[in-house]
Amino acid sequence: MYGLLIRASATALLLCSSPPLVASSVYRCAASGGHISFTHHGCPAGQQQQLQSTFNATPGNGSPTPMASEPRDRAPRTARQDKPQEPTIVGQQDDGCGNQITGRERREAMIKKEVRSGMPRADVESALGKPDRISRRNGRTSYHYRDNAGNTRQIDFDEHNCVSAKSRK
């Protein structure tokens, strides 16, 4: 029992004290057809076997590169600022019409087949379909729709292809 404990301790000591492996040996196997492969286990029968030493070098000069460091001349942050700041929105999608209506309002309008001032032309076409007639005057475009009852509807777009506030039913 005592001998088993000594052997286990000695084995653990040898395993823990071994240096990390930085190089290993592999076999280079060359087949008769010219195909080359590398393996740790030796080559199959009929292939030429050659022992090849490898070394995995540390990238760069071997010293670690710091990822980020705190600037030395930076003033310490205060716990509270005097004036609250507005949040900054990063990556907001611009609909081309100045985002006059929210995405939710646009979706609700398209589902209800309504047109609201500030909607882009593509959203109008999604809500009402392709117009029956398109007219252009002074850089502005108008879509004309006619329903089955003979009612007409005109949607006016500004020079940015956005529904203007003066659209008529």
N, C-alpha and C. Protein backbone atom coordinates (compact mmCIF):
# COMPACT_ATOMS: atom_id res chain seq x y z
N MET A 1 0.82 -1.18 0.00
CA MET A 1 0.00 0.00 0.00
C MET A 1 0.87 1.25 0.00
N TYR A 2 1.90 1.25 0.90
CA TYR A 2 2.81 2.39 1.00
C TYR A 2 3.60 2.54 -0.31
N GLY A 3 4.00 1.43 -0.93
CA GLY A 3 4.74 1.46 -2.19
C GLY A 3 3.91 2.00 -3.33
N LEU A 4 2.61 1.68 -3.34
CA LEU A 4 1.70 2.19 -4.37
C LEU A 4 1.58 3.70 -4.28
N LEU A 5 1.51 4.23 -3.07
CA LEU A 5 1.41 5.67 -2.86
C LEU A 5 2.67 6.39 -3.32
N ILE A 6 3.83 5.76 -3.07
CA ILE A 6 5.10 6.37 -3.50
C ILE A 6 5.19 6.38 -5.02
N ARG A 7 4.79 5.28 -5.67
CA ARG A 7 4.82 5.23 -7.14
C ARG A 7 3.86 6.25 -7.76
N ALA A 8 2.68 6.39 -7.19
CA ALA A 8 1.71 7.36 -7.70
C ALA A 8 2.24 8.78 -7.55
N SER A 9 2.87 9.07 -6.40
CA SER A 9 3.44 10.41 -6.18
C SER A 9 4.57 10.68 -7.15
N ALA A 10 5.42 9.70 -7.38
CA ALA A 10 6.54 9.87 -8.30
C ALA A 10 6.04 10.09 -9.72
N THR A 11 5.02 9.35 -10.12
CA THR A 11 4.45 9.52 -11.46
C THR A 11 3.85 10.91 -11.62
N ALA A 12 3.11 11.36 -10.62
CA ALA A 12 2.52 12.70 -10.68
C ALA A 12 3.59 13.76 -10.74
N LEU A 13 4.67 13.59 -9.99
CA LEU A 13 5.76 14.54 -10.00
C LEU A 13 6.42 14.60 -11.37
N LEU A 14 6.62 13.46 -12.01
CA LEU A 14 7.22 13.43 -13.34
C LEU A 14 6.31 14.09 -14.37
N LEU A 15 5.01 13.84 -14.28
CA LEU A 15 4.08 14.42 -15.24
C LEU A 15 3.98 15.92 -15.07
N CYS A 16 3.96 16.41 -13.86
CA CYS A 16 3.82 17.83 -13.60
C CYS A 16 5.09 18.60 -13.91
N SER A 17 6.23 17.97 -13.79
CA SER A 17 7.48 18.70 -13.98
C SER A 17 7.99 18.63 -15.41
N SER A 18 7.30 17.92 -16.29
CA SER A 18 7.79 17.81 -17.66
C SER A 18 7.61 19.15 -18.38
N PRO A 19 8.61 19.56 -19.16
CA PRO A 19 8.51 20.83 -19.89
C PRO A 19 7.46 20.71 -21.00
N PRO A 20 6.86 21.84 -21.39
CA PRO A 20 5.88 21.77 -22.47
C PRO A 20 6.55 21.36 -23.77
N LEU A 21 5.84 20.62 -24.56
CA LEU A 21 6.39 20.15 -25.83
C LEU A 21 6.27 21.26 -26.86
N VAL A 22 7.38 21.64 -27.44
CA VAL A 22 7.38 22.67 -28.47
C VAL A 22 7.71 22.08 -29.83
N ALA A 23 8.19 20.86 -29.84
CA ALA A 23 8.50 20.21 -31.10
C ALA A 23 7.98 18.78 -31.03
N SER A 24 7.61 18.25 -32.17
CA SER A 24 7.16 16.87 -32.23
C SER A 24 7.66 16.26 -33.53
N SER A 25 7.62 14.96 -33.61
CA SER A 25 8.06 14.27 -34.82
C SER A 25 6.86 13.70 -35.54
N VAL A 26 6.89 13.81 -36.83
CA VAL A 26 5.85 13.23 -37.66
C VAL A 26 6.53 12.43 -38.77
N TYR A 27 5.76 11.54 -39.37
CA TYR A 27 6.27 10.74 -40.47
C TYR A 27 5.75 11.32 -41.78
N ARG A 28 6.65 11.43 -42.74
CA ARG A 28 6.29 11.87 -44.09
C ARG A 28 6.17 10.61 -44.93
N CYS A 29 4.95 10.39 -45.45
CA CYS A 29 4.68 9.18 -46.21
C CYS A 29 4.53 9.54 -47.69
N ALA A 30 5.28 8.88 -48.54
CA ALA A 30 5.21 9.12 -49.97
C ALA A 30 4.71 7.86 -50.66
N ALA A 31 3.56 7.96 -51.32
CA ALA A 31 2.99 6.83 -52.05
C ALA A 31 3.66 6.72 -53.42
N SER A 32 3.46 5.60 -54.08
CA SER A 32 4.10 5.38 -55.38
C SER A 32 3.55 6.34 -56.44
N GLY A 33 2.32 6.82 -56.28
CA GLY A 33 1.73 7.75 -57.25
C GLY A 33 2.15 9.20 -57.03
N GLY A 34 2.97 9.45 -55.98
CA GLY A 34 3.44 10.81 -55.72
C GLY A 34 2.66 11.53 -54.63
N HIS A 35 1.62 10.90 -54.10
CA HIS A 35 0.82 11.51 -53.03
C HIS A 35 1.63 11.55 -51.74
N ILE A 36 1.70 12.72 -51.09
CA ILE A 36 2.44 12.90 -49.85
C ILE A 36 1.43 13.11 -48.72
N SER A 37 1.65 12.44 -47.58
CA SER A 37 0.81 12.65 -46.40
C SER A 37 1.71 12.65 -45.17
N PHE A 38 1.21 13.23 -44.09
CA PHE A 38 1.96 13.31 -42.84
C PHE A 38 1.12 12.67 -41.75
N THR A 39 1.77 11.93 -40.84
CA THR A 39 1.05 11.24 -39.77
C THR A 39 1.95 11.09 -38.55
N HIS A 40 1.34 10.92 -37.39
CA HIS A 40 2.08 10.67 -36.16
C HIS A 40 2.28 9.17 -35.94
N HIS A 41 1.58 8.33 -36.68
CA HIS A 41 1.51 6.90 -36.38
C HIS A 41 2.33 6.02 -37.31
N GLY A 42 3.01 6.56 -38.27
CA GLY A 42 3.75 5.74 -39.21
C GLY A 42 2.99 5.57 -40.51
N CYS A 43 3.69 5.15 -41.54
CA CYS A 43 3.10 5.05 -42.87
C CYS A 43 2.55 3.66 -43.13
N PRO A 44 1.53 3.56 -43.99
CA PRO A 44 1.02 2.24 -44.39
C PRO A 44 2.06 1.48 -45.20
N ALA A 45 1.86 0.18 -45.32
CA ALA A 45 2.78 -0.67 -46.09
C ALA A 45 2.77 -0.22 -47.54
N GLY A 46 3.91 -0.24 -48.18
CA GLY A 46 4.02 0.12 -49.58
C GLY A 46 4.32 1.60 -49.80
N GLN A 47 4.44 2.38 -48.73
CA GLN A 47 4.78 3.80 -48.87
C GLN A 47 6.14 4.06 -48.26
N GLN A 48 6.85 5.00 -48.83
CA GLN A 48 8.17 5.36 -48.32
C GLN A 48 7.99 6.23 -47.09
N GLN A 49 8.66 5.88 -46.00
CA GLN A 49 8.51 6.58 -44.73
C GLN A 49 9.78 7.35 -44.41
N GLN A 50 9.62 8.61 -43.97
CA GLN A 50 10.76 9.44 -43.58
C GLN A 50 10.37 10.21 -42.32
N LEU A 51 11.21 10.20 -41.30
CA LEU A 51 10.96 10.93 -40.07
C LEU A 51 11.24 12.40 -40.30
N GLN A 52 10.29 13.25 -39.93
CA GLN A 52 10.44 14.67 -40.16
C GLN A 52 10.21 15.40 -38.84
N SER A 53 11.12 16.26 -38.47
CA SER A 53 11.02 17.01 -37.23
C SER A 53 10.26 18.31 -37.50
N THR A 54 9.42 18.70 -36.55
CA THR A 54 8.65 19.93 -36.71
C THR A 54 8.90 20.84 -35.51
N PHE A 55 8.69 22.12 -35.69
CA PHE A 55 8.86 23.09 -34.61
C PHE A 55 7.79 24.17 -34.78
N ASN A 56 7.00 24.38 -33.77
CA ASN A 56 5.97 25.42 -33.80
C ASN A 56 6.51 26.66 -33.11
N ALA A 57 6.98 27.59 -33.89
CA ALA A 57 7.57 28.80 -33.34
C ALA A 57 6.49 29.75 -32.84
N THR A 58 6.84 30.57 -31.86
CA THR A 58 5.93 31.59 -31.35
C THR A 58 5.85 32.71 -32.40
N PRO A 59 4.67 33.21 -32.70
CA PRO A 59 4.56 34.29 -33.68
C PRO A 59 5.31 35.54 -33.21
N GLY A 60 5.84 36.30 -34.13
CA GLY A 60 6.56 37.52 -33.79
C GLY A 60 7.92 37.19 -33.19
N ASN A 61 8.33 37.99 -32.22
CA ASN A 61 9.64 37.78 -31.61
C ASN A 61 9.56 36.93 -30.36
N GLY A 62 8.39 36.40 -30.03
CA GLY A 62 8.26 35.53 -28.88
C GLY A 62 7.75 36.22 -27.64
N SER A 63 7.78 37.55 -27.62
CA SER A 63 7.27 38.26 -26.44
C SER A 63 5.79 38.57 -26.65
N PRO A 64 4.99 38.54 -25.60
CA PRO A 64 3.56 38.80 -25.75
C PRO A 64 3.29 40.24 -26.15
N THR A 65 2.25 40.42 -26.94
CA THR A 65 1.84 41.74 -27.38
C THR A 65 0.65 42.19 -26.55
N PRO A 66 0.73 43.33 -25.87
CA PRO A 66 -0.42 43.79 -25.09
C PRO A 66 -1.56 44.18 -26.02
N MET A 67 -2.77 43.77 -25.66
CA MET A 67 -3.93 44.04 -26.51
C MET A 67 -4.44 45.47 -26.33
N ALA A 68 -4.52 45.94 -25.09
CA ALA A 68 -4.99 47.29 -24.83
C ALA A 68 -4.45 47.74 -23.49
N SER A 69 -4.23 49.01 -23.39
CA SER A 69 -3.78 49.55 -22.12
C SER A 69 -4.47 50.87 -21.88
N GLU A 70 -4.60 51.24 -20.66
CA GLU A 70 -5.24 52.49 -20.27
C GLU A 70 -4.30 53.64 -20.59
N PRO A 71 -4.77 54.70 -21.26
CA PRO A 71 -3.90 55.85 -21.53
C PRO A 71 -3.45 56.47 -20.22
N ARG A 72 -2.20 56.90 -20.16
CA ARG A 72 -1.64 57.42 -18.92
C ARG A 72 -2.07 58.84 -18.63
N ASP A 73 -2.39 59.62 -19.66
CA ASP A 73 -2.73 61.02 -19.43
C ASP A 73 -4.23 61.26 -19.28
N ARG A 74 -5.00 60.23 -19.11
CA ARG A 74 -6.45 60.36 -19.01
C ARG A 74 -6.85 60.81 -17.61
N ALA A 75 -7.76 61.77 -17.56
CA ALA A 75 -8.25 62.25 -16.27
C ALA A 75 -9.21 61.23 -15.68
N PRO A 76 -9.26 61.11 -14.37
CA PRO A 76 -10.19 60.14 -13.77
C PRO A 76 -11.64 60.52 -14.04
N ARG A 77 -12.49 59.50 -14.19
CA ARG A 77 -13.90 59.73 -14.45
C ARG A 77 -14.61 60.14 -13.17
N THR A 78 -15.56 61.03 -13.34
CA THR A 78 -16.38 61.43 -12.18
C THR A 78 -17.56 60.49 -12.08
N ALA A 79 -18.09 60.36 -10.89
CA ALA A 79 -19.20 59.43 -10.67
C ALA A 79 -20.45 59.90 -11.42
N ARG A 80 -20.71 61.19 -11.43
CA ARG A 80 -21.87 61.73 -12.13
C ARG A 80 -21.47 62.94 -12.94
N GLN A 81 -22.07 63.08 -14.07
CA GLN A 81 -21.80 64.27 -14.87
C GLN A 81 -22.86 65.30 -14.55
N ASP A 82 -22.51 66.56 -14.76
CA ASP A 82 -23.43 67.64 -14.43
C ASP A 82 -24.69 67.61 -15.29
N LYS A 83 -24.52 67.38 -16.58
CA LYS A 83 -25.64 67.41 -17.51
C LYS A 83 -25.88 66.01 -18.07
N PRO A 84 -27.09 65.48 -17.99
CA PRO A 84 -27.33 64.14 -18.57
C PRO A 84 -27.18 64.19 -20.09
N GLN A 85 -26.62 63.14 -20.62
CA GLN A 85 -26.42 63.07 -22.06
C GLN A 85 -27.54 62.29 -22.72
N GLU A 86 -27.87 62.66 -23.94
CA GLU A 86 -28.85 61.92 -24.73
C GLU A 86 -28.17 60.67 -25.27
N PRO A 87 -28.90 59.57 -25.34
CA PRO A 87 -28.28 58.37 -25.91
C PRO A 87 -27.99 58.56 -27.39
N THR A 88 -26.92 57.98 -27.83
CA THR A 88 -26.54 58.05 -29.23
C THR A 88 -27.01 56.78 -29.91
N ILE A 89 -27.74 56.93 -30.99
CA ILE A 89 -28.24 55.78 -31.75
C ILE A 89 -27.25 55.52 -32.87
N VAL A 90 -26.71 54.32 -32.86
CA VAL A 90 -25.72 53.94 -33.86
C VAL A 90 -26.33 52.88 -34.77
N GLY A 91 -26.22 53.07 -36.05
CA GLY A 91 -26.68 52.06 -36.98
C GLY A 91 -28.16 52.12 -37.29
N GLN A 92 -28.81 53.26 -37.04
CA GLN A 92 -30.23 53.37 -37.36
C GLN A 92 -30.38 53.44 -38.87
N GLN A 93 -31.33 52.71 -39.40
CA GLN A 93 -31.54 52.68 -40.83
C GLN A 93 -32.32 53.91 -41.25
N ASP A 94 -31.85 54.59 -42.27
CA ASP A 94 -32.52 55.76 -42.80
C ASP A 94 -33.41 55.32 -43.95
N ASP A 95 -34.69 55.64 -43.87
CA ASP A 95 -35.62 55.22 -44.92
C ASP A 95 -35.57 56.13 -46.14
N GLY A 96 -34.73 57.18 -46.12
CA GLY A 96 -34.62 58.09 -47.24
C GLY A 96 -35.58 59.26 -47.14
N CYS A 97 -36.48 59.21 -46.17
CA CYS A 97 -37.47 60.27 -45.98
C CYS A 97 -37.29 60.98 -44.64
N GLY A 98 -36.12 60.83 -44.04
CA GLY A 98 -35.85 61.49 -42.78
C GLY A 98 -36.48 60.80 -41.58
N ASN A 99 -36.90 59.55 -41.74
CA ASN A 99 -37.52 58.78 -40.65
C ASN A 99 -38.62 59.57 -39.96
N GLN A 100 -39.54 60.14 -40.77
CA GLN A 100 -40.64 60.93 -40.21
C GLN A 100 -41.63 60.06 -39.44
N ILE A 101 -41.76 58.80 -39.82
CA ILE A 101 -42.63 57.88 -39.10
C ILE A 101 -41.81 56.69 -38.66
N THR A 102 -42.20 56.07 -37.57
CA THR A 102 -41.45 54.93 -37.05
C THR A 102 -41.71 53.68 -37.88
N GLY A 103 -40.86 52.71 -37.71
CA GLY A 103 -41.03 51.44 -38.43
C GLY A 103 -42.34 50.77 -38.08
N ARG A 104 -42.75 50.88 -36.83
CA ARG A 104 -44.02 50.28 -36.41
C ARG A 104 -45.20 50.96 -37.10
N GLU A 105 -45.18 52.29 -37.15
CA GLU A 105 -46.26 53.02 -37.83
C GLU A 105 -46.31 52.67 -39.32
N ARG A 106 -45.14 52.52 -39.93
CA ARG A 106 -45.11 52.15 -41.35
C ARG A 106 -45.70 50.77 -41.57
N ARG A 107 -45.33 49.81 -40.71
CA ARG A 107 -45.86 48.44 -40.86
C ARG A 107 -47.37 48.42 -40.66
N GLU A 108 -47.86 49.12 -39.64
CA GLU A 108 -49.31 49.16 -39.40
C GLU A 108 -50.04 49.79 -40.57
N ALA A 109 -49.50 50.85 -41.14
CA ALA A 109 -50.12 51.51 -42.29
C ALA A 109 -50.16 50.58 -43.50
N MET A 110 -49.10 49.85 -43.73
CA MET A 110 -49.07 48.95 -44.88
C MET A 110 -50.06 47.81 -44.70
N ILE A 111 -50.21 47.30 -43.48
CA ILE A 111 -51.16 46.22 -43.23
C ILE A 111 -52.59 46.71 -43.45
N LYS A 112 -52.88 47.95 -43.01
CA LYS A 112 -54.23 48.53 -43.14
C LYS A 112 -54.46 49.16 -44.51
N LYS A 113 -53.45 49.07 -45.39
CA LYS A 113 -53.50 49.66 -46.73
C LYS A 113 -53.75 51.17 -46.66
N GLU A 114 -53.04 51.82 -45.73
CA GLU A 114 -53.11 53.26 -45.57
C GLU A 114 -51.80 53.87 -46.04
N VAL A 115 -51.85 55.16 -46.37
CA VAL A 115 -50.67 55.90 -46.77
C VAL A 115 -50.52 57.07 -45.80
N ARG A 116 -49.33 57.24 -45.28
CA ARG A 116 -49.05 58.33 -44.34
C ARG A 116 -47.95 59.21 -44.89
N SER A 117 -48.02 60.47 -44.52
CA SER A 117 -47.00 61.42 -44.94
C SER A 117 -45.64 60.97 -44.42
N GLY A 118 -44.63 60.97 -45.29
CA GLY A 118 -43.29 60.56 -44.91
C GLY A 118 -42.97 59.13 -45.29
N MET A 119 -43.92 58.39 -45.86
CA MET A 119 -43.64 57.01 -46.28
C MET A 119 -42.85 57.02 -47.58
N PRO A 120 -41.87 56.14 -47.74
CA PRO A 120 -41.17 56.02 -49.02
C PRO A 120 -42.05 55.36 -50.08
N ARG A 121 -41.69 55.58 -51.31
CA ARG A 121 -42.48 55.05 -52.44
C ARG A 121 -42.59 53.53 -52.39
N ALA A 122 -41.52 52.84 -52.00
CA ALA A 122 -41.55 51.38 -51.94
C ALA A 122 -42.60 50.89 -50.94
N ASP A 123 -42.78 51.61 -49.81
CA ASP A 123 -43.79 51.22 -48.83
C ASP A 123 -45.20 51.44 -49.36
N VAL A 124 -45.39 52.49 -50.14
CA VAL A 124 -46.70 52.74 -50.75
C VAL A 124 -47.04 51.60 -51.72
N GLU A 125 -46.06 51.19 -52.51
CA GLU A 125 -46.30 50.10 -53.45
C GLU A 125 -46.54 48.78 -52.70
N SER A 126 -45.91 48.59 -51.54
CA SER A 126 -46.18 47.39 -50.76
C SER A 126 -47.60 47.41 -50.20
N ALA A 127 -48.08 48.58 -49.84
CA ALA A 127 -49.42 48.69 -49.25
C ALA A 127 -50.51 48.64 -50.30
N LEU A 128 -50.35 49.37 -51.39
CA LEU A 128 -51.44 49.53 -52.37
C LEU A 128 -51.19 48.81 -53.69
N GLY A 129 -49.99 48.33 -53.93
CA GLY A 129 -49.67 47.68 -55.19
C GLY A 129 -49.17 48.69 -56.21
N LYS A 130 -48.97 48.22 -57.43
CA LYS A 130 -48.51 49.11 -58.51
C LYS A 130 -49.65 50.06 -58.88
N PRO A 131 -49.32 51.31 -59.17
CA PRO A 131 -50.37 52.28 -59.50
C PRO A 131 -50.96 52.01 -60.88
N ASP A 132 -52.20 52.49 -61.08
CA ASP A 132 -52.83 52.38 -62.40
C ASP A 132 -52.20 53.36 -63.39
N ARG A 133 -51.77 54.52 -62.86
CA ARG A 133 -51.15 55.54 -63.71
C ARG A 133 -50.14 56.31 -62.89
N ILE A 134 -49.05 56.73 -63.54
CA ILE A 134 -48.02 57.54 -62.90
C ILE A 134 -47.89 58.82 -63.70
N SER A 135 -47.90 59.95 -62.98
CA SER A 135 -47.68 61.24 -63.66
C SER A 135 -46.53 61.96 -62.98
N ARG A 136 -45.81 62.78 -63.78
CA ARG A 136 -44.67 63.53 -63.25
C ARG A 136 -44.81 64.99 -63.67
N ARG A 137 -44.54 65.88 -62.69
CA ARG A 137 -44.61 67.30 -62.98
C ARG A 137 -43.65 68.02 -62.04
N ASN A 138 -42.76 68.85 -62.60
CA ASN A 138 -41.81 69.66 -61.84
C ASN A 138 -41.00 68.83 -60.84
N GLY A 139 -40.51 67.68 -61.24
CA GLY A 139 -39.67 66.85 -60.39
C GLY A 139 -40.44 66.07 -59.33
N ARG A 140 -41.75 66.15 -59.36
CA ARG A 140 -42.58 65.41 -58.39
C ARG A 140 -43.36 64.34 -59.13
N THR A 141 -43.58 63.24 -58.42
CA THR A 141 -44.28 62.10 -59.01
C THR A 141 -45.59 61.90 -58.28
N SER A 142 -46.62 61.50 -59.04
CA SER A 142 -47.93 61.17 -58.44
C SER A 142 -48.34 59.79 -58.90
N TYR A 143 -48.85 59.00 -57.96
CA TYR A 143 -49.42 57.69 -58.26
C TYR A 143 -50.93 57.85 -58.24
N HIS A 144 -51.57 57.27 -59.25
CA HIS A 144 -53.03 57.33 -59.35
C HIS A 144 -53.58 55.91 -59.26
N TYR A 145 -54.52 55.72 -58.33
CA TYR A 145 -55.15 54.42 -58.13
C TYR A 145 -56.64 54.55 -58.37
N ARG A 146 -57.26 53.52 -58.94
CA ARG A 146 -58.70 53.47 -59.15
C ARG A 146 -59.19 52.12 -58.63
N ASP A 147 -60.19 52.13 -57.75
CA ASP A 147 -60.72 50.87 -57.23
C ASP A 147 -61.86 50.37 -58.11
N ASN A 148 -62.46 49.24 -57.77
CA ASN A 148 -63.51 48.62 -58.59
C ASN A 148 -64.79 49.46 -58.62
N ALA A 149 -64.99 50.30 -57.61
CA ALA A 149 -66.20 51.15 -57.57
C ALA A 149 -66.01 52.42 -58.36
N GLY A 150 -64.84 52.65 -58.94
CA GLY A 150 -64.60 53.85 -59.73
C GLY A 150 -64.01 54.99 -58.93
N ASN A 151 -63.75 54.79 -57.64
CA ASN A 151 -63.14 55.83 -56.82
C ASN A 151 -61.67 55.97 -57.18
N THR A 152 -61.16 57.21 -57.20
CA THR A 152 -59.76 57.44 -57.52
C THR A 152 -59.03 57.94 -56.29
N ARG A 153 -57.77 57.68 -56.30
CA ARG A 153 -56.91 58.09 -55.20
C ARG A 153 -55.58 58.51 -55.79
N GLN A 154 -55.05 59.66 -55.35
CA GLN A 154 -53.79 60.16 -55.85
C GLN A 154 -52.82 60.31 -54.68
N ILE A 155 -51.62 59.76 -54.86
CA ILE A 155 -50.57 59.85 -53.86
C ILE A 155 -49.45 60.68 -54.47
N ASP A 156 -49.10 61.80 -53.83
CA ASP A 156 -48.06 62.68 -54.34
C ASP A 156 -46.75 62.44 -53.58
N PHE A 157 -45.66 62.40 -54.34
CA PHE A 157 -44.33 62.20 -53.77
C PHE A 157 -43.51 63.45 -53.99
N ASP A 158 -42.62 63.75 -53.04
CA ASP A 158 -41.73 64.90 -53.21
C ASP A 158 -40.51 64.49 -54.04
N GLU A 159 -39.53 65.36 -54.11
CA GLU A 159 -38.36 65.10 -54.94
C GLU A 159 -37.48 63.98 -54.38
N HIS A 160 -37.71 63.56 -53.12
CA HIS A 160 -36.95 62.45 -52.52
C HIS A 160 -37.72 61.14 -52.56
N ASN A 161 -38.83 61.09 -53.31
CA ASN A 161 -39.70 59.91 -53.44
C ASN A 161 -40.35 59.54 -52.12
N CYS A 162 -40.75 60.54 -51.36
CA CYS A 162 -41.45 60.34 -50.09
C CYS A 162 -42.84 60.95 -50.21
N VAL A 163 -43.83 60.36 -49.55
CA VAL A 163 -45.20 60.86 -49.62
C VAL A 163 -45.20 62.27 -49.03
N SER A 164 -45.70 63.22 -49.82
CA SER A 164 -45.77 64.60 -49.32
C SER A 164 -47.05 64.77 -48.52
N ALA A 165 -47.12 65.82 -47.75
CA ALA A 165 -48.25 66.06 -46.85
C ALA A 165 -49.51 66.44 -47.63
N LYS A 166 -49.37 66.79 -48.91
CA LYS A 166 -50.52 67.26 -49.66
C LYS A 166 -51.16 66.20 -50.55
N SER A 167 -51.02 64.92 -50.20
CA SER A 167 -51.63 63.87 -51.01
C SER A 167 -53.14 63.94 -50.90
N ARG A 168 -53.83 63.66 -52.02
CA ARG A 168 -55.29 63.75 -52.06
C ARG A 168 -55.89 62.36 -52.18
N LYS A 169 -57.11 62.23 -51.67
CA LYS A 169 -57.84 60.97 -51.83
C LYS A 169 -58.69 61.03 -53.06
